[in-house]
N, C-alpha and C. Protein backbone atom coordinates (compact mmCIF):
# COMPACT_ATOMS: atom_id res chain seq x y z
N UNK A 1 24.44 14.56 13.05
CA UNK A 1 22.99 14.40 12.78
C UNK A 1 22.69 12.93 12.48
N UNK A 2 21.63 12.39 13.06
CA UNK A 2 21.27 11.00 12.84
C UNK A 2 20.79 10.78 11.42
N UNK A 3 21.34 9.74 10.76
CA UNK A 3 20.94 9.46 9.39
C UNK A 3 19.54 8.85 9.36
N UNK A 4 18.84 9.09 8.28
CA UNK A 4 17.49 8.58 8.13
C UNK A 4 17.53 7.11 7.73
N UNK A 5 16.54 6.34 8.13
CA UNK A 5 16.46 4.94 7.66
C UNK A 5 16.31 4.94 6.15
N UNK A 6 16.91 3.96 5.51
CA UNK A 6 16.93 3.90 4.05
C UNK A 6 16.64 2.48 3.60
N UNK A 7 15.78 2.32 2.61
CA UNK A 7 15.41 1.01 2.10
C UNK A 7 15.94 0.82 0.68
N UNK A 8 16.86 -0.13 0.51
CA UNK A 8 17.37 -0.46 -0.83
C UNK A 8 16.24 -0.99 -1.71
N UNK A 9 15.32 -1.77 -1.10
CA UNK A 9 14.20 -2.32 -1.87
C UNK A 9 13.34 -1.21 -2.46
N UNK A 10 13.10 -0.16 -1.69
CA UNK A 10 12.31 0.97 -2.20
C UNK A 10 12.97 1.60 -3.42
N UNK A 11 14.29 1.73 -3.37
CA UNK A 11 15.00 2.32 -4.49
C UNK A 11 14.90 1.45 -5.73
N UNK A 12 14.90 0.14 -5.54
CA UNK A 12 14.85 -0.78 -6.68
C UNK A 12 13.46 -0.85 -7.30
N UNK A 13 12.42 -0.77 -6.45
CA UNK A 13 11.07 -1.02 -6.98
C UNK A 13 10.26 0.23 -7.29
N UNK A 14 10.76 1.41 -6.90
CA UNK A 14 9.93 2.61 -7.01
C UNK A 14 9.58 2.96 -8.46
N UNK A 15 10.50 2.77 -9.39
CA UNK A 15 10.20 3.12 -10.78
C UNK A 15 9.22 2.13 -11.42
N UNK A 16 9.40 0.80 -11.26
CA UNK A 16 8.40 -0.12 -11.81
C UNK A 16 7.01 0.09 -11.22
N UNK A 17 6.92 0.38 -9.92
CA UNK A 17 5.61 0.65 -9.33
C UNK A 17 5.01 1.92 -9.91
N UNK A 18 5.84 2.94 -10.09
CA UNK A 18 5.33 4.21 -10.62
C UNK A 18 4.73 4.04 -12.00
N UNK A 19 5.28 3.15 -12.82
CA UNK A 19 4.72 2.90 -14.14
C UNK A 19 3.26 2.45 -14.02
N UNK A 20 2.99 1.57 -13.06
CA UNK A 20 1.62 1.09 -12.85
C UNK A 20 0.74 2.21 -12.29
N UNK A 21 1.27 2.94 -11.31
CA UNK A 21 0.47 4.00 -10.68
C UNK A 21 0.09 5.09 -11.68
N UNK A 22 0.97 5.39 -12.62
CA UNK A 22 0.62 6.40 -13.63
C UNK A 22 -0.59 5.99 -14.43
N UNK A 23 -0.78 4.69 -14.58
CA UNK A 23 -1.95 4.20 -15.32
C UNK A 23 -3.19 4.15 -14.43
N UNK A 24 -3.09 3.52 -13.26
CA UNK A 24 -4.29 3.28 -12.46
C UNK A 24 -4.70 4.51 -11.64
N UNK A 25 -3.77 5.45 -11.42
CA UNK A 25 -4.11 6.68 -10.69
C UNK A 25 -4.26 7.87 -11.62
N UNK A 26 -4.34 7.64 -12.91
CA UNK A 26 -4.40 8.74 -13.87
C UNK A 26 -5.58 9.67 -13.62
N UNK A 27 -6.70 9.11 -13.16
CA UNK A 27 -7.90 9.92 -12.94
C UNK A 27 -8.20 10.12 -11.46
N UNK A 28 -7.21 9.86 -10.60
CA UNK A 28 -7.40 10.03 -9.16
C UNK A 28 -6.93 11.42 -8.73
N UNK A 29 -7.40 11.88 -7.55
CA UNK A 29 -7.03 13.21 -7.07
C UNK A 29 -6.28 13.19 -5.74
N UNK A 30 -6.55 12.17 -4.89
CA UNK A 30 -5.87 12.10 -3.59
C UNK A 30 -5.68 10.64 -3.19
N UNK A 31 -4.45 10.30 -2.80
CA UNK A 31 -4.10 8.93 -2.45
C UNK A 31 -3.73 8.84 -0.97
N UNK A 32 -4.32 7.89 -0.29
CA UNK A 32 -3.93 7.55 1.08
C UNK A 32 -2.91 6.43 1.02
N UNK A 33 -1.68 6.68 1.49
CA UNK A 33 -0.67 5.64 1.57
C UNK A 33 -0.68 5.05 2.97
N UNK A 34 -0.89 3.75 3.06
CA UNK A 34 -0.94 3.06 4.35
C UNK A 34 0.41 2.40 4.60
N UNK A 35 1.13 2.87 5.61
CA UNK A 35 2.45 2.33 5.92
C UNK A 35 3.52 2.91 5.02
N UNK A 36 3.86 4.17 5.22
CA UNK A 36 4.80 4.85 4.33
C UNK A 36 6.26 4.49 4.59
N UNK A 37 6.54 3.78 5.67
CA UNK A 37 7.90 3.32 5.92
C UNK A 37 8.91 4.44 6.03
N UNK A 38 9.93 4.40 5.18
CA UNK A 38 10.98 5.41 5.22
C UNK A 38 10.57 6.72 4.56
N UNK A 39 9.48 6.71 3.82
CA UNK A 39 9.04 7.90 3.10
C UNK A 39 9.59 8.02 1.70
N UNK A 40 10.45 7.08 1.29
CA UNK A 40 11.04 7.14 -0.05
C UNK A 40 9.99 7.01 -1.14
N UNK A 41 9.07 6.09 -0.98
CA UNK A 41 8.00 5.93 -1.96
C UNK A 41 7.16 7.19 -2.05
N UNK A 42 6.79 7.74 -0.91
CA UNK A 42 5.92 8.92 -0.89
C UNK A 42 6.53 10.05 -1.70
N UNK A 43 7.81 10.30 -1.49
CA UNK A 43 8.49 11.38 -2.21
C UNK A 43 8.52 11.08 -3.71
N UNK A 44 8.90 9.87 -4.06
CA UNK A 44 9.05 9.52 -5.47
C UNK A 44 7.71 9.54 -6.20
N UNK A 45 6.69 9.01 -5.58
CA UNK A 45 5.39 8.94 -6.25
C UNK A 45 4.72 10.32 -6.32
N UNK A 46 4.88 11.11 -5.27
CA UNK A 46 4.32 12.47 -5.33
C UNK A 46 5.00 13.28 -6.43
N UNK A 47 6.32 13.11 -6.58
CA UNK A 47 7.04 13.82 -7.64
C UNK A 47 6.61 13.35 -9.02
N UNK A 48 6.33 12.05 -9.15
CA UNK A 48 5.97 11.50 -10.44
C UNK A 48 4.51 11.59 -10.79
N UNK A 49 3.68 11.95 -9.79
CA UNK A 49 2.23 12.05 -9.99
C UNK A 49 1.76 13.41 -9.50
N UNK A 50 2.23 14.43 -10.15
CA UNK A 50 2.01 15.79 -9.67
C UNK A 50 0.55 16.23 -9.72
N UNK A 51 -0.29 15.46 -10.43
CA UNK A 51 -1.70 15.85 -10.56
C UNK A 51 -2.51 15.48 -9.32
N UNK A 52 -1.93 14.69 -8.40
CA UNK A 52 -2.72 14.28 -7.23
C UNK A 52 -2.00 14.61 -5.92
N UNK A 53 -2.76 14.63 -4.85
CA UNK A 53 -2.22 14.84 -3.51
C UNK A 53 -1.88 13.48 -2.90
N UNK A 54 -0.70 13.36 -2.30
CA UNK A 54 -0.24 12.10 -1.71
C UNK A 54 -0.23 12.24 -0.20
N UNK A 55 -1.04 11.42 0.47
CA UNK A 55 -1.15 11.48 1.94
C UNK A 55 -0.42 10.30 2.58
N UNK A 56 0.81 10.51 3.07
CA UNK A 56 1.51 9.43 3.75
C UNK A 56 1.00 9.22 5.17
N UNK A 57 1.09 7.97 5.65
CA UNK A 57 0.75 7.65 7.04
C UNK A 57 1.75 6.62 7.55
N UNK A 58 1.94 6.62 8.87
CA UNK A 58 2.82 5.64 9.50
C UNK A 58 2.45 5.51 10.97
N UNK A 59 3.00 4.48 11.60
CA UNK A 59 2.85 4.36 13.04
C UNK A 59 3.46 5.59 13.71
N UNK A 60 2.90 6.04 14.81
CA UNK A 60 3.39 7.27 15.45
C UNK A 60 4.90 7.29 15.67
N UNK A 61 5.48 6.18 16.10
CA UNK A 61 6.91 6.15 16.40
C UNK A 61 7.79 6.19 15.16
N UNK A 62 7.19 6.00 13.98
CA UNK A 62 7.97 5.93 12.75
C UNK A 62 7.75 7.12 11.81
N UNK A 63 7.11 8.15 12.31
CA UNK A 63 6.75 9.28 11.45
C UNK A 63 7.91 10.19 11.09
N UNK A 64 8.94 10.21 11.92
CA UNK A 64 10.00 11.21 11.75
C UNK A 64 10.66 11.15 10.37
N UNK A 65 11.03 9.95 9.93
CA UNK A 65 11.72 9.84 8.64
C UNK A 65 10.84 10.35 7.50
N UNK A 66 9.56 10.02 7.56
CA UNK A 66 8.64 10.48 6.52
C UNK A 66 8.54 12.00 6.54
N UNK A 67 8.44 12.57 7.72
CA UNK A 67 8.32 14.02 7.85
C UNK A 67 9.58 14.73 7.33
N UNK A 68 10.75 14.22 7.69
CA UNK A 68 12.01 14.85 7.26
C UNK A 68 12.14 14.78 5.74
N UNK A 69 11.86 13.62 5.16
CA UNK A 69 11.96 13.49 3.70
C UNK A 69 10.93 14.38 3.00
N UNK A 70 9.77 14.52 3.60
CA UNK A 70 8.76 15.39 3.02
C UNK A 70 9.23 16.84 3.06
N UNK A 71 9.82 17.25 4.17
CA UNK A 71 10.33 18.62 4.30
C UNK A 71 11.44 18.89 3.29
N UNK A 72 12.32 17.90 3.10
CA UNK A 72 13.43 18.06 2.17
C UNK A 72 12.95 18.12 0.73
N UNK A 73 11.91 17.35 0.40
CA UNK A 73 11.42 17.28 -0.98
C UNK A 73 10.73 18.56 -1.43
N UNK A 74 10.04 19.23 -0.52
CA UNK A 74 9.34 20.48 -0.81
C UNK A 74 8.39 20.33 -2.00
N UNK A 75 7.60 19.29 -1.97
CA UNK A 75 6.62 19.06 -3.02
C UNK A 75 5.25 19.52 -2.52
N UNK A 76 4.61 20.39 -3.27
CA UNK A 76 3.34 20.95 -2.83
C UNK A 76 2.26 19.89 -2.68
N UNK A 77 2.34 18.81 -3.45
CA UNK A 77 1.30 17.78 -3.42
C UNK A 77 1.61 16.65 -2.45
N UNK A 78 2.74 16.72 -1.74
CA UNK A 78 3.07 15.71 -0.73
C UNK A 78 2.65 16.27 0.63
N UNK A 79 1.60 15.71 1.19
CA UNK A 79 1.01 16.24 2.42
C UNK A 79 1.79 15.81 3.65
N UNK A 80 1.59 16.53 4.74
CA UNK A 80 2.24 16.18 6.00
C UNK A 80 1.77 14.81 6.45
N UNK A 81 2.69 13.93 6.87
CA UNK A 81 2.29 12.57 7.25
C UNK A 81 1.40 12.56 8.48
N UNK A 82 0.50 11.59 8.51
CA UNK A 82 -0.41 11.42 9.62
C UNK A 82 -0.09 10.11 10.35
N UNK A 83 -0.32 10.10 11.66
CA UNK A 83 -0.16 8.88 12.44
C UNK A 83 -1.33 7.96 12.16
N UNK A 84 -1.01 6.69 11.84
CA UNK A 84 -2.06 5.71 11.59
C UNK A 84 -1.61 4.33 12.01
N UNK A 85 -2.36 3.74 12.91
CA UNK A 85 -2.22 2.34 13.29
C UNK A 85 -3.47 1.65 12.77
N UNK A 86 -3.30 0.64 11.92
CA UNK A 86 -4.48 0.03 11.31
C UNK A 86 -5.41 -0.60 12.34
N UNK A 87 -4.92 -0.80 13.56
CA UNK A 87 -5.75 -1.39 14.61
C UNK A 87 -6.62 -0.36 15.34
N UNK A 88 -6.30 0.92 15.15
CA UNK A 88 -7.05 1.92 15.92
C UNK A 88 -8.49 1.99 15.44
N UNK A 89 -9.40 2.21 16.38
CA UNK A 89 -10.83 2.20 16.07
C UNK A 89 -11.21 3.32 15.12
N UNK A 90 -10.59 4.48 15.32
CA UNK A 90 -10.93 5.64 14.50
C UNK A 90 -9.74 6.04 13.64
N UNK A 91 -9.84 5.84 12.34
CA UNK A 91 -8.79 6.29 11.44
C UNK A 91 -8.92 7.80 11.23
N UNK A 92 -7.83 8.47 10.84
CA UNK A 92 -7.93 9.91 10.53
C UNK A 92 -9.00 10.16 9.48
N UNK A 93 -9.64 11.27 9.56
CA UNK A 93 -10.70 11.64 8.62
C UNK A 93 -10.03 12.10 7.32
N UNK A 94 -9.94 11.20 6.35
CA UNK A 94 -9.23 11.48 5.10
C UNK A 94 -10.20 11.33 3.94
N UNK A 95 -10.26 12.35 3.10
CA UNK A 95 -11.10 12.32 1.90
C UNK A 95 -10.21 11.95 0.72
N UNK A 96 -10.14 10.66 0.40
CA UNK A 96 -9.26 10.18 -0.67
C UNK A 96 -10.06 9.32 -1.64
N UNK A 97 -9.65 9.31 -2.90
CA UNK A 97 -10.32 8.46 -3.88
C UNK A 97 -9.41 7.31 -4.36
N UNK A 98 -8.29 7.12 -3.64
CA UNK A 98 -7.40 6.01 -3.93
C UNK A 98 -6.59 5.68 -2.68
N UNK A 99 -6.09 4.45 -2.62
CA UNK A 99 -5.24 4.03 -1.50
C UNK A 99 -4.11 3.17 -2.04
N UNK A 100 -2.96 3.24 -1.37
CA UNK A 100 -1.78 2.49 -1.79
C UNK A 100 -1.08 1.94 -0.56
N UNK A 101 -0.61 0.70 -0.67
CA UNK A 101 0.19 0.13 0.41
C UNK A 101 1.23 -0.80 -0.19
N UNK A 102 2.45 -0.72 0.30
CA UNK A 102 3.55 -1.52 -0.22
C UNK A 102 4.24 -2.29 0.90
N UNK A 103 4.43 -3.58 0.66
CA UNK A 103 5.19 -4.43 1.59
C UNK A 103 4.65 -4.36 3.02
N UNK A 104 3.33 -4.36 3.13
CA UNK A 104 2.70 -4.34 4.46
C UNK A 104 1.88 -5.60 4.73
N UNK A 105 1.22 -6.14 3.72
CA UNK A 105 0.25 -7.21 3.95
C UNK A 105 0.91 -8.50 4.46
N UNK A 106 2.19 -8.69 4.16
CA UNK A 106 2.88 -9.87 4.67
C UNK A 106 3.55 -9.62 6.02
N UNK A 107 3.52 -8.38 6.48
CA UNK A 107 4.13 -8.02 7.77
C UNK A 107 3.08 -7.99 8.87
N UNK A 108 1.94 -7.40 8.59
CA UNK A 108 0.88 -7.31 9.60
C UNK A 108 0.17 -8.65 9.73
N UNK A 109 -0.62 -8.79 10.80
CA UNK A 109 -1.37 -10.03 11.02
C UNK A 109 -2.54 -10.12 10.04
N UNK A 110 -3.13 -11.32 9.93
CA UNK A 110 -4.28 -11.49 9.05
C UNK A 110 -5.46 -10.63 9.49
N UNK A 111 -5.66 -10.49 10.78
CA UNK A 111 -6.73 -9.63 11.27
C UNK A 111 -6.50 -8.18 10.86
N UNK A 112 -5.23 -7.77 10.83
CA UNK A 112 -4.92 -6.41 10.40
C UNK A 112 -5.09 -6.27 8.89
N UNK A 113 -4.80 -7.31 8.15
CA UNK A 113 -5.07 -7.29 6.70
C UNK A 113 -6.56 -7.07 6.47
N UNK A 114 -7.38 -7.81 7.19
CA UNK A 114 -8.84 -7.65 7.07
C UNK A 114 -9.26 -6.23 7.41
N UNK A 115 -8.65 -5.68 8.46
CA UNK A 115 -8.98 -4.31 8.87
C UNK A 115 -8.65 -3.31 7.78
N UNK A 116 -7.51 -3.50 7.12
CA UNK A 116 -7.12 -2.59 6.04
C UNK A 116 -8.16 -2.61 4.93
N UNK A 117 -8.55 -3.80 4.48
CA UNK A 117 -9.54 -3.89 3.40
C UNK A 117 -10.89 -3.34 3.83
N UNK A 118 -11.26 -3.62 5.07
CA UNK A 118 -12.54 -3.11 5.57
C UNK A 118 -12.56 -1.58 5.59
N UNK A 119 -11.51 -0.99 6.15
CA UNK A 119 -11.48 0.47 6.28
C UNK A 119 -11.34 1.14 4.91
N UNK A 120 -10.49 0.57 4.05
CA UNK A 120 -10.34 1.16 2.72
C UNK A 120 -11.64 1.03 1.94
N UNK A 121 -12.31 -0.11 2.05
CA UNK A 121 -13.59 -0.27 1.37
C UNK A 121 -14.62 0.73 1.84
N UNK A 122 -14.55 1.09 3.11
CA UNK A 122 -15.48 2.06 3.66
C UNK A 122 -15.10 3.48 3.24
N UNK A 123 -13.78 3.74 3.17
CA UNK A 123 -13.29 5.09 2.90
C UNK A 123 -13.43 5.50 1.44
N UNK A 124 -13.13 4.58 0.53
CA UNK A 124 -13.12 4.93 -0.88
C UNK A 124 -14.52 5.18 -1.42
N UNK A 125 -14.64 6.15 -2.31
CA UNK A 125 -15.93 6.37 -2.98
C UNK A 125 -16.14 5.35 -4.08
N UNK A 126 -17.30 5.34 -4.66
CA UNK A 126 -17.58 4.49 -5.81
C UNK A 126 -16.53 4.73 -6.90
N UNK A 127 -15.93 3.65 -7.40
CA UNK A 127 -14.89 3.78 -8.42
C UNK A 127 -13.50 4.01 -7.88
N UNK A 128 -13.36 4.13 -6.55
CA UNK A 128 -12.06 4.34 -5.94
C UNK A 128 -11.12 3.16 -6.18
N UNK A 129 -9.82 3.41 -6.07
CA UNK A 129 -8.81 2.41 -6.43
C UNK A 129 -7.93 2.08 -5.23
N UNK A 130 -7.69 0.78 -5.02
CA UNK A 130 -6.74 0.30 -4.02
C UNK A 130 -5.63 -0.45 -4.73
N UNK A 131 -4.37 -0.08 -4.43
CA UNK A 131 -3.20 -0.73 -5.01
C UNK A 131 -2.36 -1.31 -3.88
N UNK A 132 -1.97 -2.59 -4.01
CA UNK A 132 -1.12 -3.24 -3.01
C UNK A 132 0.07 -3.87 -3.72
N UNK A 133 1.27 -3.55 -3.22
CA UNK A 133 2.50 -4.10 -3.79
C UNK A 133 3.16 -5.04 -2.79
N UNK A 134 3.76 -6.12 -3.30
CA UNK A 134 4.49 -7.03 -2.44
C UNK A 134 4.53 -8.43 -3.02
N UNK A 135 5.03 -9.40 -2.26
CA UNK A 135 5.01 -10.79 -2.70
C UNK A 135 3.67 -11.44 -2.34
N UNK A 136 3.15 -12.28 -3.22
CA UNK A 136 1.89 -12.96 -2.98
C UNK A 136 1.98 -14.40 -3.46
N UNK A 137 1.13 -15.25 -2.88
CA UNK A 137 1.00 -16.64 -3.31
C UNK A 137 -0.23 -16.78 -4.21
N UNK A 138 -0.19 -17.78 -5.09
CA UNK A 138 -1.31 -18.05 -5.99
C UNK A 138 -1.61 -19.54 -5.95
N UNK A 139 -2.88 -19.88 -5.85
CA UNK A 139 -3.29 -21.29 -5.80
C UNK A 139 -2.51 -22.04 -4.73
N UNK A 140 -2.34 -21.37 -3.58
CA UNK A 140 -1.68 -21.98 -2.43
C UNK A 140 -0.21 -22.32 -2.69
N UNK A 141 0.41 -21.63 -3.66
CA UNK A 141 1.81 -21.89 -3.99
C UNK A 141 2.59 -20.59 -4.12
N UNK A 142 3.87 -20.64 -3.72
CA UNK A 142 4.75 -19.49 -3.91
C UNK A 142 5.15 -19.37 -5.37
N UNK A 143 5.47 -18.17 -5.79
CA UNK A 143 5.87 -17.94 -7.18
C UNK A 143 7.35 -18.16 -7.40
N UNK A 144 8.12 -18.34 -6.33
CA UNK A 144 9.56 -18.58 -6.45
C UNK A 144 10.08 -19.22 -5.17
N UNK A 145 11.24 -19.85 -5.26
CA UNK A 145 11.86 -20.44 -4.08
C UNK A 145 12.30 -19.35 -3.11
N UNK A 146 12.74 -18.21 -3.63
CA UNK A 146 13.16 -17.13 -2.74
C UNK A 146 11.98 -16.61 -1.93
N UNK A 147 10.79 -16.55 -2.53
CA UNK A 147 9.61 -16.13 -1.78
C UNK A 147 9.25 -17.16 -0.71
N UNK A 148 9.42 -18.44 -1.04
CA UNK A 148 9.13 -19.49 -0.06
C UNK A 148 10.06 -19.37 1.15
N UNK A 149 11.32 -19.09 0.89
CA UNK A 149 12.28 -18.92 1.99
C UNK A 149 11.98 -17.65 2.79
N UNK A 150 11.59 -16.61 2.09
CA UNK A 150 11.22 -15.36 2.76
C UNK A 150 10.02 -15.57 3.66
N UNK A 151 9.05 -16.34 3.18
CA UNK A 151 7.85 -16.65 3.97
C UNK A 151 8.21 -17.41 5.24
N UNK A 152 9.11 -18.37 5.13
CA UNK A 152 9.56 -19.13 6.31
C UNK A 152 10.22 -18.20 7.32
N UNK A 153 11.03 -17.27 6.83
CA UNK A 153 11.68 -16.32 7.72
C UNK A 153 10.67 -15.44 8.44
N UNK A 154 9.68 -14.95 7.69
CA UNK A 154 8.65 -14.10 8.28
C UNK A 154 7.88 -14.83 9.38
N UNK A 155 7.46 -16.05 9.08
CA UNK A 155 6.65 -16.81 10.03
C UNK A 155 7.48 -17.28 11.23
N UNK A 156 8.79 -17.49 11.01
CA UNK A 156 9.65 -17.83 12.12
C UNK A 156 9.84 -16.67 13.08
N UNK A 157 9.84 -15.48 12.52
CA UNK A 157 9.99 -14.27 13.33
C UNK A 157 8.69 -13.89 14.01
N UNK A 158 7.58 -14.06 13.28
CA UNK A 158 6.26 -13.71 13.81
C UNK A 158 5.23 -14.61 13.14
N UNK A 159 4.69 -15.60 13.85
CA UNK A 159 3.75 -16.56 13.25
C UNK A 159 2.50 -15.92 12.65
N UNK A 160 2.18 -14.70 13.06
CA UNK A 160 0.98 -14.05 12.54
C UNK A 160 1.23 -13.37 11.19
N UNK A 161 2.48 -13.28 10.77
CA UNK A 161 2.80 -12.66 9.49
C UNK A 161 3.01 -13.73 8.43
N UNK A 162 3.36 -13.33 7.22
CA UNK A 162 3.61 -14.28 6.16
C UNK A 162 3.01 -13.83 4.84
N UNK A 163 3.55 -14.35 3.75
CA UNK A 163 3.06 -14.00 2.42
C UNK A 163 1.62 -14.49 2.25
N UNK A 164 0.77 -13.60 1.76
CA UNK A 164 -0.67 -13.89 1.68
C UNK A 164 -1.06 -14.51 0.35
N UNK A 165 -2.10 -15.33 0.40
CA UNK A 165 -2.67 -15.91 -0.81
C UNK A 165 -3.54 -14.87 -1.51
N UNK A 166 -3.31 -14.72 -2.81
CA UNK A 166 -4.11 -13.78 -3.58
C UNK A 166 -5.60 -14.09 -3.45
N UNK A 167 -5.95 -15.37 -3.53
CA UNK A 167 -7.35 -15.76 -3.49
C UNK A 167 -8.02 -15.36 -2.18
N UNK A 168 -7.29 -15.49 -1.06
CA UNK A 168 -7.83 -15.10 0.24
C UNK A 168 -7.99 -13.58 0.31
N UNK A 169 -6.99 -12.86 -0.21
CA UNK A 169 -7.08 -11.40 -0.23
C UNK A 169 -8.27 -10.95 -1.08
N UNK A 170 -8.43 -11.57 -2.22
CA UNK A 170 -9.50 -11.16 -3.12
C UNK A 170 -10.87 -11.45 -2.53
N UNK A 171 -10.97 -12.53 -1.75
CA UNK A 171 -12.24 -12.84 -1.09
C UNK A 171 -12.58 -11.76 -0.06
N UNK A 172 -11.57 -11.36 0.73
CA UNK A 172 -11.80 -10.29 1.71
C UNK A 172 -12.15 -8.98 1.00
N UNK A 173 -11.42 -8.68 -0.08
CA UNK A 173 -11.69 -7.46 -0.83
C UNK A 173 -13.13 -7.45 -1.33
N UNK A 174 -13.58 -8.57 -1.88
CA UNK A 174 -14.94 -8.64 -2.41
C UNK A 174 -15.99 -8.40 -1.34
N UNK A 175 -15.71 -8.87 -0.12
CA UNK A 175 -16.65 -8.66 0.98
C UNK A 175 -16.83 -7.17 1.29
N UNK A 176 -15.86 -6.36 0.88
CA UNK A 176 -15.93 -4.93 1.15
C UNK A 176 -16.06 -4.12 -0.14
N UNK A 177 -16.69 -4.76 -1.14
CA UNK A 177 -17.06 -4.10 -2.40
C UNK A 177 -15.86 -3.63 -3.21
N UNK A 178 -14.71 -4.31 -3.03
CA UNK A 178 -13.52 -4.01 -3.81
C UNK A 178 -13.34 -5.13 -4.84
N UNK A 179 -13.41 -4.76 -6.10
CA UNK A 179 -13.41 -5.72 -7.20
C UNK A 179 -12.04 -5.75 -7.87
N UNK A 180 -11.45 -6.95 -7.94
CA UNK A 180 -10.12 -7.08 -8.53
C UNK A 180 -10.13 -6.61 -9.97
N UNK A 181 -9.11 -5.82 -10.36
CA UNK A 181 -9.09 -5.29 -11.72
C UNK A 181 -7.72 -5.35 -12.38
N UNK A 182 -6.68 -5.81 -11.66
CA UNK A 182 -5.38 -5.87 -12.32
C UNK A 182 -4.31 -6.52 -11.48
N UNK A 183 -3.32 -7.11 -12.15
CA UNK A 183 -2.21 -7.80 -11.49
C UNK A 183 -0.99 -7.65 -12.39
N UNK A 184 0.01 -6.92 -11.90
CA UNK A 184 1.22 -6.67 -12.68
C UNK A 184 2.41 -7.40 -12.06
N UNK A 185 3.19 -8.07 -12.89
CA UNK A 185 4.44 -8.68 -12.43
C UNK A 185 5.47 -7.58 -12.20
N UNK A 186 6.18 -7.70 -11.09
CA UNK A 186 7.19 -6.73 -10.69
C UNK A 186 8.55 -7.43 -10.54
N UNK A 187 9.64 -6.66 -10.45
CA UNK A 187 10.94 -7.28 -10.23
C UNK A 187 10.99 -8.04 -8.90
N UNK A 188 11.93 -8.95 -8.78
CA UNK A 188 12.20 -9.69 -7.54
C UNK A 188 10.99 -10.49 -7.06
N UNK A 189 10.22 -11.03 -8.02
CA UNK A 189 9.10 -11.92 -7.70
C UNK A 189 8.01 -11.26 -6.87
N UNK A 190 7.83 -9.97 -7.08
CA UNK A 190 6.74 -9.24 -6.44
C UNK A 190 5.64 -8.96 -7.46
N UNK A 191 4.50 -8.48 -6.96
CA UNK A 191 3.36 -8.16 -7.80
C UNK A 191 2.77 -6.83 -7.37
N UNK A 192 2.05 -6.19 -8.26
CA UNK A 192 1.22 -5.04 -7.91
C UNK A 192 -0.23 -5.41 -8.24
N UNK A 193 -1.06 -5.45 -7.20
CA UNK A 193 -2.46 -5.83 -7.33
C UNK A 193 -3.34 -4.59 -7.25
N UNK A 194 -4.41 -4.60 -8.02
CA UNK A 194 -5.32 -3.44 -8.06
C UNK A 194 -6.76 -3.90 -7.89
N UNK A 195 -7.46 -3.22 -7.00
CA UNK A 195 -8.90 -3.41 -6.82
C UNK A 195 -9.61 -2.07 -7.01
N UNK A 196 -10.84 -2.12 -7.46
CA UNK A 196 -11.65 -0.90 -7.61
C UNK A 196 -12.95 -1.04 -6.82
N UNK A 197 -13.32 0.02 -6.17
CA UNK A 197 -14.58 0.02 -5.42
C UNK A 197 -15.74 -0.06 -6.39
N UNK A 198 -16.65 -0.98 -6.10
CA UNK A 198 -17.81 -1.18 -6.97
C UNK A 198 -18.56 0.13 -7.16
N UNK A 199 -18.90 0.41 -8.39
CA UNK A 199 -19.65 1.62 -8.69
C UNK A 199 -21.13 1.43 -8.35
N UNK A 200 -21.71 2.44 -7.81
CA UNK A 200 -23.13 2.40 -7.48
C UNK A 200 -23.91 3.01 -8.64
N UNK A 201 -24.72 2.19 -9.25
CA UNK A 201 -25.48 2.66 -10.40
C UNK A 201 -26.67 3.51 -9.93
N UNK A 202 -26.83 4.65 -10.56
CA UNK A 202 -27.97 5.51 -10.23
C UNK A 202 -29.25 4.94 -10.83
N UNK A 203 -30.33 5.13 -10.14
CA UNK A 203 -31.62 4.61 -10.60
C UNK A 203 -32.39 5.68 -11.36
């Protein structure tokens, strides 16, 4: 039997991320995960956040690992993974009040980053939460030499990828009514960033 893809990074960061998610998703009911990768995060977070439904998504060709891990986990709140390419014109019709993405914003192109914020801003209801995990730059500077080297590797492999500036991300988020509300330091020079959809005041 073919072994499933496995991410050592997911195993190292899943518990620190879960600490943050328990706080920011405490009042959420359904989370859309954009780019579920191997499915390790989906299983761990669904198990640790039993009060909400976790909706994994991945590119069509990468869904198998997520599906197998979901089947093995047998968690009632871990939903069947959906195919999602952030470039597609029509995203799946998902009713979620939170979104999560890990280690994606530095892999996809800047246009795809914009698409993610645009679609999430449109999808989330007033007060909805977006969480993004990964390495980020601040004030046009890397937070560590290892991140600087990682950025060079990413851009050498694909010039459209690379570690993103927090300020640029926050500007795009603001354009789609997502207001920055938190920034947590994570192991290995990573961060967990949180935005909330602007609440619409009733008249």
